[in-house]
Amino acid sequence: MKLNIDCVRDVMLTLEEAEYGELTTISTLCKKLEDKYTEEEITYTCLKLDEGGLIDAMLVSMMNSSMKGVKAINDITFEGHQFLEDIRKNSTWNIIKDKALKIGSFSIKTLVAIAEKVIADLIINN
C-alpha cells in the first residue's frame, strides 16, 4: 500500500487534538477523517507512524494473517511533536511536499529530514 503523506499530516494534527491521557481509538480517528481517507489509509498511516517513532500505537495481530492492525493511539511521541511543529503551517507543508516530489521519496524518514531542513532554512533566511 502506498503511504499518503497528506493523511500523515492530517492524522498527526487530529491526534494532537486529544486531551492528555486520552486514548484515541482507530475507529474514532477514522470517523474524524472519514470525509478524506479510507479506514485502510488511516490504519496503514498509523502503522507507519508507529514504526517511524512518531506515535505510540497499540497494535493488534490480525486474525489469520501476519499483518498488524491498530487498536488505538496512546500518544504522539516527542519526535512526533517535533515533526508536527515542522509541518503545521500550510505554506511550510507545501514546500515539504514539493521537495519530496522533486526527489521522489515520501517515506516518513525522508519527510522528517525535509521538514527539518526546510525549517532550518527558514530560520537562517529570516
C-alpha atoms as a PDB file:
ATOM      1  CA  MET A   1       0.000   0.000   0.000  1.00  0.00           C
ATOM      2  CA  LYS A   2       1.219   3.485  -0.787  1.00  0.00           C
ATOM      3  CA  LEU A   3       1.712   5.950   2.072  1.00  0.00           C
ATOM      4  CA  ASN A   4      -0.436   9.072   1.647  1.00  0.00           C
ATOM      5  CA  ILE A   5       1.580  11.972   3.028  1.00  0.00           C
ATOM      6  CA  ASP A   6      -1.444  14.242   3.368  1.00  0.00           C
ATOM      7  CA  CYS A   7      -3.021  11.522   5.513  1.00  0.00           C
ATOM      8  CA  VAL A   8       0.178  11.502   7.600  1.00  0.00           C
ATOM      9  CA  ARG A   9      -0.221  15.205   8.327  1.00  0.00           C
ATOM     10  CA  ASP A  10      -3.967  15.031   8.948  1.00  0.00           C
ATOM     11  CA  VAL A  11      -3.610  12.058  11.312  1.00  0.00           C
ATOM     12  CA  MET A  12      -0.932  13.882  13.297  1.00  0.00           C
ATOM     13  CA  LEU A  13      -2.990  17.082  13.507  1.00  0.00           C
ATOM     14  CA  THR A  14      -6.077  15.120  14.560  1.00  0.00           C
ATOM     15  CA  LEU A  15      -4.206  13.157  17.213  1.00  0.00           C
ATOM     16  CA  GLU A  16      -2.898  16.401  18.650  1.00  0.00           C
ATOM     17  CA  GLU A  17      -6.482  17.429  19.455  1.00  0.00           C
ATOM     18  CA  ALA A  18      -6.790  14.633  22.055  1.00  0.00           C
ATOM     19  CA  GLU A  19      -6.655  15.553  25.719  1.00  0.00           C
ATOM     20  CA  TYR A  20      -3.682  14.488  27.820  1.00  0.00           C
ATOM     21  CA  GLY A  21      -4.089  10.812  28.736  1.00  0.00           C
ATOM     22  CA  GLU A  22      -6.931  10.287  26.239  1.00  0.00           C
ATOM     23  CA  LEU A  23      -6.684   7.113  24.209  1.00  0.00           C
ATOM     24  CA  THR A  24      -7.686   7.658  20.573  1.00  0.00           C
ATOM     25  CA  THR A  25      -9.179   4.541  19.038  1.00  0.00           C
ATOM     26  CA  ILE A  26      -8.673   3.864  15.366  1.00  0.00           C
ATOM     27  CA  SER A  27     -12.452   3.981  14.869  1.00  0.00           C
ATOM     28  CA  THR A  28     -12.632   7.469  16.429  1.00  0.00           C
ATOM     29  CA  LEU A  29      -9.786   8.627  14.222  1.00  0.00           C
ATOM     30  CA  CYS A  30     -11.482   7.144  11.161  1.00  0.00           C
ATOM     31  CA  LYS A  31     -14.751   8.934  11.983  1.00  0.00           C
ATOM     32  CA  LYS A  32     -12.951  12.269  12.268  1.00  0.00           C
ATOM     33  CA  LEU A  33     -11.192  11.783   8.919  1.00  0.00           C
ATOM     34  CA  GLU A  34     -13.807   9.736   7.039  1.00  0.00           C
ATOM     35  CA  ASP A  35     -14.517  12.505   4.538  1.00  0.00           C
ATOM     36  CA  LYS A  36     -10.876  12.454   3.376  1.00  0.00           C
ATOM     37  CA  TYR A  37      -9.454   8.947   3.761  1.00  0.00           C
ATOM     38  CA  THR A  38     -10.461   5.303   3.898  1.00  0.00           C
ATOM     39  CA  GLU A  39     -10.109   3.249   7.058  1.00  0.00           C
ATOM     40  CA  GLU A  40      -7.320   1.312   5.352  1.00  0.00           C
ATOM     41  CA  GLU A  41      -5.380   4.511   4.568  1.00  0.00           C
ATOM     42  CA  ILE A  42      -5.719   5.754   8.151  1.00  0.00           C
ATOM     43  CA  THR A  43      -4.782   2.409   9.689  1.00  0.00           C
ATOM     44  CA  TYR A  44      -1.799   1.991   7.367  1.00  0.00           C
ATOM     45  CA  THR A  45      -0.666   5.549   8.109  1.00  0.00           C
ATOM     46  CA  CYS A  46      -0.852   4.888  11.862  1.00  0.00           C
ATOM     47  CA  LEU A  47       1.155   1.692  11.453  1.00  0.00           C
ATOM     48  CA  LYS A  48       3.878   3.568   9.585  1.00  0.00           C
ATOM     49  CA  LEU A  49       3.837   6.490  12.041  1.00  0.00           C
ATOM     50  CA  ASP A  50       4.275   3.980  14.871  1.00  0.00           C
ATOM     51  CA  GLU A  51       7.111   2.223  13.035  1.00  0.00           C
ATOM     52  CA  GLY A  52       8.702   5.621  12.387  1.00  0.00           C
ATOM     53  CA  GLY A  53       8.581   6.521  16.080  1.00  0.00           C
ATOM     54  CA  LEU A  54       6.197   9.463  15.665  1.00  0.00           C
ATOM     55  CA  ILE A  55       3.272   7.941  17.556  1.00  0.00           C
ATOM     56  CA  ASP A  56       2.822   5.297  20.240  1.00  0.00           C
ATOM     57  CA  ALA A  57       0.136   2.950  18.943  1.00  0.00           C
ATOM     58  CA  MET A  58      -1.465  -0.148  20.438  1.00  0.00           C
ATOM     59  CA  LEU A  59      -1.029  -2.809  17.780  1.00  0.00           C
ATOM     60  CA  VAL A  60      -3.059  -5.993  17.449  1.00  0.00           C
ATOM     61  CA  SER A  61      -2.496  -9.145  15.437  1.00  0.00           C
ATOM     62  CA  MET A  62      -4.930  -9.618  12.592  1.00  0.00           C
ATOM     63  CA  MET A  63      -6.726 -12.959  12.522  1.00  0.00           C
ATOM     64  CA  ASN A  64      -5.350 -15.450  10.003  1.00  0.00           C
ATOM     65  CA  SER A  65      -2.609 -13.023   8.972  1.00  0.00           C
ATOM     66  CA  SER A  66       0.901 -11.976   9.895  1.00  0.00           C
ATOM     67  CA  MET A  67      -0.193  -8.353   9.474  1.00  0.00           C
ATOM     68  CA  LYS A  68      -0.664  -5.995  12.383  1.00  0.00           C
ATOM     69  CA  GLY A  69      -3.611  -3.685  12.944  1.00  0.00           C
ATOM     70  CA  VAL A  70      -4.005  -0.588  15.078  1.00  0.00           C
ATOM     71  CA  LYS A  71      -6.383  -0.692  18.012  1.00  0.00           C
ATOM     72  CA  ALA A  72      -5.659   2.756  19.406  1.00  0.00           C
ATOM     73  CA  ILE A  73      -3.087   5.508  19.650  1.00  0.00           C
ATOM     74  CA  ASN A  74      -1.741   6.252  23.123  1.00  0.00           C
ATOM     75  CA  ASP A  75       0.055   9.472  22.275  1.00  0.00           C
ATOM     76  CA  ILE A  76       2.288  11.404  19.928  1.00  0.00           C
ATOM     77  CA  THR A  77       5.967  10.854  20.759  1.00  0.00           C
ATOM     78  CA  PHE A  78       8.468  13.638  21.374  1.00  0.00           C
ATOM     79  CA  GLU A  79       9.804  13.136  17.841  1.00  0.00           C
ATOM     80  CA  GLY A  80       6.226  13.216  16.573  1.00  0.00           C
ATOM     81  CA  HIS A  81       5.620  16.575  18.234  1.00  0.00           C
ATOM     82  CA  GLN A  82       8.822  17.922  16.698  1.00  0.00           C
ATOM     83  CA  PHE A  83       7.709  16.747  13.246  1.00  0.00           C
ATOM     84  CA  LEU A  84       4.209  18.128  13.775  1.00  0.00           C
ATOM     85  CA  GLU A  85       5.552  21.575  14.607  1.00  0.00           C
ATOM     86  CA  ASP A  86       7.618  21.488  11.407  1.00  0.00           C
ATOM     87  CA  ILE A  87       4.656  20.547   9.183  1.00  0.00           C
ATOM     88  CA  ARG A  88       1.862  22.502  10.892  1.00  0.00           C
ATOM     89  CA  LYS A  89       1.814  25.606   8.706  1.00  0.00           C
ATOM     90  CA  ASN A  90       0.201  25.031   5.295  1.00  0.00           C
ATOM     91  CA  SER A  91       2.812  27.042   3.415  1.00  0.00           C
ATOM     92  CA  THR A  92       5.655  25.056   5.022  1.00  0.00           C
ATOM     93  CA  TRP A  93       3.862  21.757   4.366  1.00  0.00           C
ATOM     94  CA  ASN A  94       3.511  22.672   0.692  1.00  0.00           C
ATOM     95  CA  ILE A  95       7.262  23.337   0.451  1.00  0.00           C
ATOM     96  CA  ILE A  96       7.984  19.982   2.112  1.00  0.00           C
ATOM     97  CA  LYS A  97       5.632  18.129  -0.236  1.00  0.00           C
ATOM     98  CA  ASP A  98       7.149  19.855  -3.265  1.00  0.00           C
ATOM     99  CA  LYS A  99      10.673  18.899  -2.220  1.00  0.00           C
ATOM    100  CA  ALA A 100       9.612  15.296  -1.554  1.00  0.00           C
ATOM    101  CA  LEU A 101       8.030  15.165  -5.009  1.00  0.00           C
ATOM    102  CA  LYS A 102      11.189  16.521  -6.636  1.00  0.00           C
ATOM    103  CA  ILE A 103      13.412  13.912  -5.007  1.00  0.00           C
ATOM    104  CA  GLY A 104      10.797  11.183  -5.440  1.00  0.00           C
ATOM    105  CA  SER A 105      10.613   9.950  -1.858  1.00  0.00           C
ATOM    106  CA  PHE A 106       7.679  10.154   0.531  1.00  0.00           C
ATOM    107  CA  SER A 107       8.955   7.959   3.350  1.00  0.00           C
ATOM    108  CA  ILE A 108       8.435   9.066   6.941  1.00  0.00           C
ATOM    109  CA  LYS A 109      12.207   9.326   7.388  1.00  0.00           C
ATOM    110  CA  THR A 110      12.541  11.498   4.281  1.00  0.00           C
ATOM    111  CA  LEU A 111       9.616  13.733   5.244  1.00  0.00           C
ATOM    112  CA  VAL A 112      11.141  14.281   8.684  1.00  0.00           C
ATOM    113  CA  ALA A 113      14.532  15.132   7.136  1.00  0.00           C
ATOM    114  CA  ILE A 114      12.996  17.510   4.587  1.00  0.00           C
ATOM    115  CA  ALA A 115      10.883  19.192   7.266  1.00  0.00           C
ATOM    116  CA  GLU A 116      13.946  19.746   9.460  1.00  0.00           C
ATOM    117  CA  LYS A 117      15.899  21.180   6.504  1.00  0.00           C
ATOM    118  CA  VAL A 118      13.048  23.472   5.427  1.00  0.00           C
ATOM    119  CA  ILE A 119      12.676  24.813   8.974  1.00  0.00           C
ATOM    120  CA  ALA A 120      16.441  25.299   9.311  1.00  0.00           C
ATOM    121  CA  ASP A 121      16.492  27.204   6.001  1.00  0.00           C
ATOM    122  CA  LEU A 122      13.565  29.373   7.143  1.00  0.00           C
ATOM    123  CA  ILE A 123      15.416  30.168  10.369  1.00  0.00           C
ATOM    124  CA  ILE A 124      18.591  31.137   8.517  1.00  0.00           C
ATOM    125  CA  ASN A 125      16.801  33.203   5.867  1.00  0.00           C
ATOM    126  CA  ASN A 126      14.557  35.187   8.249  1.00  0.00           C
END
